[in-house]
């Protein structure tokens, strides 16, 4: 039991990194869609800032995910506790659903 808690505690910074990366990507790309579809034409700097925030969020999400999966792979070894490819796709699905939800809410309002 203590080993499981210790392992999850070691993974916590990377889970938080994935969360922050996902939120940053949603805000960046959602803001980009929002300012691009509203009447006054946005300045090039604001478009660049939102695009950079979205790209930085995706990079942070990917880096945190890869570090976390490599560390959990080392902990699990070759046993049955090793993660499958389908379970690695779940964070991406959640990120894309949240981004789509944010974009829909922004476009409706």
C-alpha atoms as a PDB file:
ATOM      1  CA  UNK A   1       0.000   0.000   0.000  1.00  0.00           C
ATOM      2  CA  UNK A   2       2.780   2.415   0.885  1.00  0.00           C
ATOM      3  CA  UNK A   3       4.568   1.699  -2.396  1.00  0.00           C
ATOM      4  CA  UNK A   4       1.438   2.600  -4.359  1.00  0.00           C
ATOM      5  CA  UNK A   5       1.026   5.869  -2.495  1.00  0.00           C
ATOM      6  CA  UNK A   6       4.717   6.646  -2.931  1.00  0.00           C
ATOM      7  CA  UNK A   7       4.492   5.957  -6.680  1.00  0.00           C
ATOM      8  CA  UNK A   8       1.430   8.177  -7.082  1.00  0.00           C
ATOM      9  CA  UNK A   9       3.093  10.923  -5.063  1.00  0.00           C
ATOM     10  CA  UNK A  10       6.088  10.824  -7.400  1.00  0.00           C
ATOM     11  CA  UNK A  11       3.756  11.108 -10.393  1.00  0.00           C
ATOM     12  CA  UNK A  12       1.757  14.017  -8.955  1.00  0.00           C
ATOM     13  CA  UNK A  13       3.927  16.824 -10.425  1.00  0.00           C
ATOM     14  CA  UNK A  14       3.580  15.281 -13.884  1.00  0.00           C
ATOM     15  CA  UNK A  15      -0.176  14.872 -13.484  1.00  0.00           C
ATOM     16  CA  UNK A  16      -0.378  18.534 -12.514  1.00  0.00           C
ATOM     17  CA  UNK A  17       1.834  19.377 -15.499  1.00  0.00           C
ATOM     18  CA  UNK A  18      -0.595  17.563 -17.775  1.00  0.00           C
ATOM     19  CA  UNK A  19      -3.504  19.421 -16.196  1.00  0.00           C
ATOM     20  CA  UNK A  20      -1.843  22.820 -16.576  1.00  0.00           C
ATOM     21  CA  UNK A  21      -0.792  21.971 -20.141  1.00  0.00           C
ATOM     22  CA  UNK A  22      -4.320  20.961 -21.065  1.00  0.00           C
ATOM     23  CA  UNK A  23      -5.836  24.075 -19.551  1.00  0.00           C
ATOM     24  CA  UNK A  24      -3.234  26.266 -21.249  1.00  0.00           C
ATOM     25  CA  UNK A  25      -3.913  24.625 -24.620  1.00  0.00           C
ATOM     26  CA  UNK A  26      -7.669  25.062 -24.238  1.00  0.00           C
ATOM     27  CA  UNK A  27      -7.324  28.702 -23.216  1.00  0.00           C
ATOM     28  CA  UNK A  28      -4.786  29.428 -25.960  1.00  0.00           C
ATOM     29  CA  UNK A  29      -6.613  27.836 -28.862  1.00  0.00           C
ATOM     30  CA  UNK A  30     -10.045  28.759 -27.523  1.00  0.00           C
ATOM     31  CA  UNK A  31      -8.954  32.380 -27.204  1.00  0.00           C
ATOM     32  CA  UNK A  32      -7.510  32.218 -30.695  1.00  0.00           C
ATOM     33  CA  UNK A  33     -10.835  31.041 -32.076  1.00  0.00           C
ATOM     34  CA  UNK A  34     -12.697  33.635 -30.029  1.00  0.00           C
ATOM     35  CA  UNK A  35     -10.666  36.644 -31.165  1.00  0.00           C
ATOM     36  CA  UNK A  36     -10.519  35.403 -34.749  1.00  0.00           C
ATOM     37  CA  UNK A  37     -14.285  35.121 -35.090  1.00  0.00           C
ATOM     38  CA  UNK A  38     -15.307  38.410 -33.466  1.00  0.00           C
ATOM     39  CA  UNK A  39     -15.851  41.580 -35.524  1.00  0.00           C
ATOM     40  CA  UNK A  40     -12.888  43.862 -34.834  1.00  0.00           C
ATOM     41  CA  UNK A  41      -9.864  42.321 -36.485  1.00  0.00           C
ATOM     42  CA  UNK A  42      -7.358  41.283 -33.824  1.00  0.00           C
ATOM     43  CA  UNK A  43      -3.813  42.515 -33.757  1.00  0.00           C
ATOM     44  CA  UNK A  44      -1.124  40.155 -34.985  1.00  0.00           C
ATOM     45  CA  UNK A  45       0.483  40.162 -31.544  1.00  0.00           C
ATOM     46  CA  UNK A  46      -2.672  38.896 -29.829  1.00  0.00           C
ATOM     47  CA  UNK A  47      -3.052  36.122 -32.398  1.00  0.00           C
ATOM     48  CA  UNK A  48       0.579  35.153 -31.880  1.00  0.00           C
ATOM     49  CA  UNK A  49       0.233  35.163 -28.075  1.00  0.00           C
ATOM     50  CA  UNK A  50      -2.845  32.926 -28.086  1.00  0.00           C
ATOM     51  CA  UNK A  51      -1.261  30.539 -30.596  1.00  0.00           C
ATOM     52  CA  UNK A  52       1.945  30.406 -28.534  1.00  0.00           C
ATOM     53  CA  UNK A  53      -0.042  29.697 -25.357  1.00  0.00           C
ATOM     54  CA  UNK A  54      -1.889  26.853 -27.083  1.00  0.00           C
ATOM     55  CA  UNK A  55       1.304  25.379 -28.501  1.00  0.00           C
ATOM     56  CA  UNK A  56       3.076  25.680 -25.143  1.00  0.00           C
ATOM     57  CA  UNK A  57       0.160  23.900 -23.490  1.00  0.00           C
ATOM     58  CA  UNK A  58       0.361  21.008 -25.927  1.00  0.00           C
ATOM     59  CA  UNK A  59       4.133  20.740 -25.487  1.00  0.00           C
ATOM     60  CA  UNK A  60       3.796  20.780 -21.686  1.00  0.00           C
ATOM     61  CA  UNK A  61       1.068  18.143 -21.854  1.00  0.00           C
ATOM     62  CA  UNK A  62       3.131  15.857 -24.111  1.00  0.00           C
ATOM     63  CA  UNK A  63       6.350  16.238 -22.114  1.00  0.00           C
ATOM     64  CA  UNK A  64       4.603  15.594 -18.794  1.00  0.00           C
ATOM     65  CA  UNK A  65       2.755  12.612 -20.246  1.00  0.00           C
ATOM     66  CA  UNK A  66       5.910  11.030 -21.652  1.00  0.00           C
ATOM     67  CA  UNK A  67       7.895  11.539 -18.471  1.00  0.00           C
ATOM     68  CA  UNK A  68       5.058  10.118 -16.395  1.00  0.00           C
ATOM     69  CA  UNK A  69       4.609   7.094 -18.656  1.00  0.00           C
ATOM     70  CA  UNK A  70       8.324   6.373 -18.757  1.00  0.00           C
ATOM     71  CA  UNK A  71       8.553   6.528 -14.964  1.00  0.00           C
ATOM     72  CA  UNK A  72       5.479   4.350 -14.508  1.00  0.00           C
ATOM     73  CA  UNK A  73       6.920   1.907 -17.045  1.00  0.00           C
ATOM     74  CA  UNK A  74      10.091   1.626 -14.988  1.00  0.00           C
ATOM     75  CA  UNK A  75       8.063   1.064 -11.831  1.00  0.00           C
ATOM     76  CA  UNK A  76       5.781  -1.543 -13.388  1.00  0.00           C
ATOM     77  CA  UNK A  77       8.410  -3.514 -15.289  1.00  0.00           C
ATOM     78  CA  UNK A  78       7.053  -6.138 -17.659  1.00  0.00           C
ATOM     79  CA  UNK A  79       4.235  -7.262 -15.400  1.00  0.00           C
ATOM     80  CA  UNK A  80       0.492  -6.946 -15.936  1.00  0.00           C
ATOM     81  CA  UNK A  81       0.434  -3.502 -14.328  1.00  0.00           C
ATOM     82  CA  UNK A  82       2.121  -1.992 -17.379  1.00  0.00           C
ATOM     83  CA  UNK A  83      -0.102   0.496 -19.177  1.00  0.00           C
ATOM     84  CA  UNK A  84      -1.556  -0.327 -22.559  1.00  0.00           C
ATOM     85  CA  UNK A  85      -1.719   1.897 -25.606  1.00  0.00           C
ATOM     86  CA  UNK A  86      -5.447   2.420 -25.161  1.00  0.00           C
ATOM     87  CA  UNK A  87      -5.002   3.832 -21.679  1.00  0.00           C
ATOM     88  CA  UNK A  88      -2.346   6.249 -22.964  1.00  0.00           C
ATOM     89  CA  UNK A  89      -4.879   7.680 -25.430  1.00  0.00           C
ATOM     90  CA  UNK A  90      -7.342   8.583 -22.670  1.00  0.00           C
ATOM     91  CA  UNK A  91      -5.637  11.876 -21.675  1.00  0.00           C
ATOM     92  CA  UNK A  92      -5.673  12.980 -25.313  1.00  0.00           C
ATOM     93  CA  UNK A  93      -9.359  12.209 -25.635  1.00  0.00           C
ATOM     94  CA  UNK A  94     -10.104  14.170 -22.463  1.00  0.00           C
ATOM     95  CA  UNK A  95      -8.002  17.115 -23.694  1.00  0.00           C
ATOM     96  CA  UNK A  96      -9.738  17.198 -27.061  1.00  0.00           C
ATOM     97  CA  UNK A  97     -13.211  16.921 -25.534  1.00  0.00           C
ATOM     98  CA  UNK A  98     -12.507  19.782 -23.125  1.00  0.00           C
ATOM     99  CA  UNK A  99     -11.091  21.914 -25.937  1.00  0.00           C
ATOM    100  CA  UNK A 100     -14.130  21.209 -28.111  1.00  0.00           C
ATOM    101  CA  UNK A 101     -16.476  21.997 -25.228  1.00  0.00           C
ATOM    102  CA  UNK A 102     -14.721  25.297 -24.567  1.00  0.00           C
ATOM    103  CA  UNK A 103     -14.842  26.280 -28.238  1.00  0.00           C
ATOM    104  CA  UNK A 104     -18.542  25.446 -28.477  1.00  0.00           C
ATOM    105  CA  UNK A 105     -19.307  27.495 -25.366  1.00  0.00           C
ATOM    106  CA  UNK A 106     -17.301  30.441 -26.687  1.00  0.00           C
ATOM    107  CA  UNK A 107     -18.999  30.339 -30.088  1.00  0.00           C
ATOM    108  CA  UNK A 108     -22.508  30.069 -28.600  1.00  0.00           C
ATOM    109  CA  UNK A 109     -22.029  33.048 -26.317  1.00  0.00           C
END
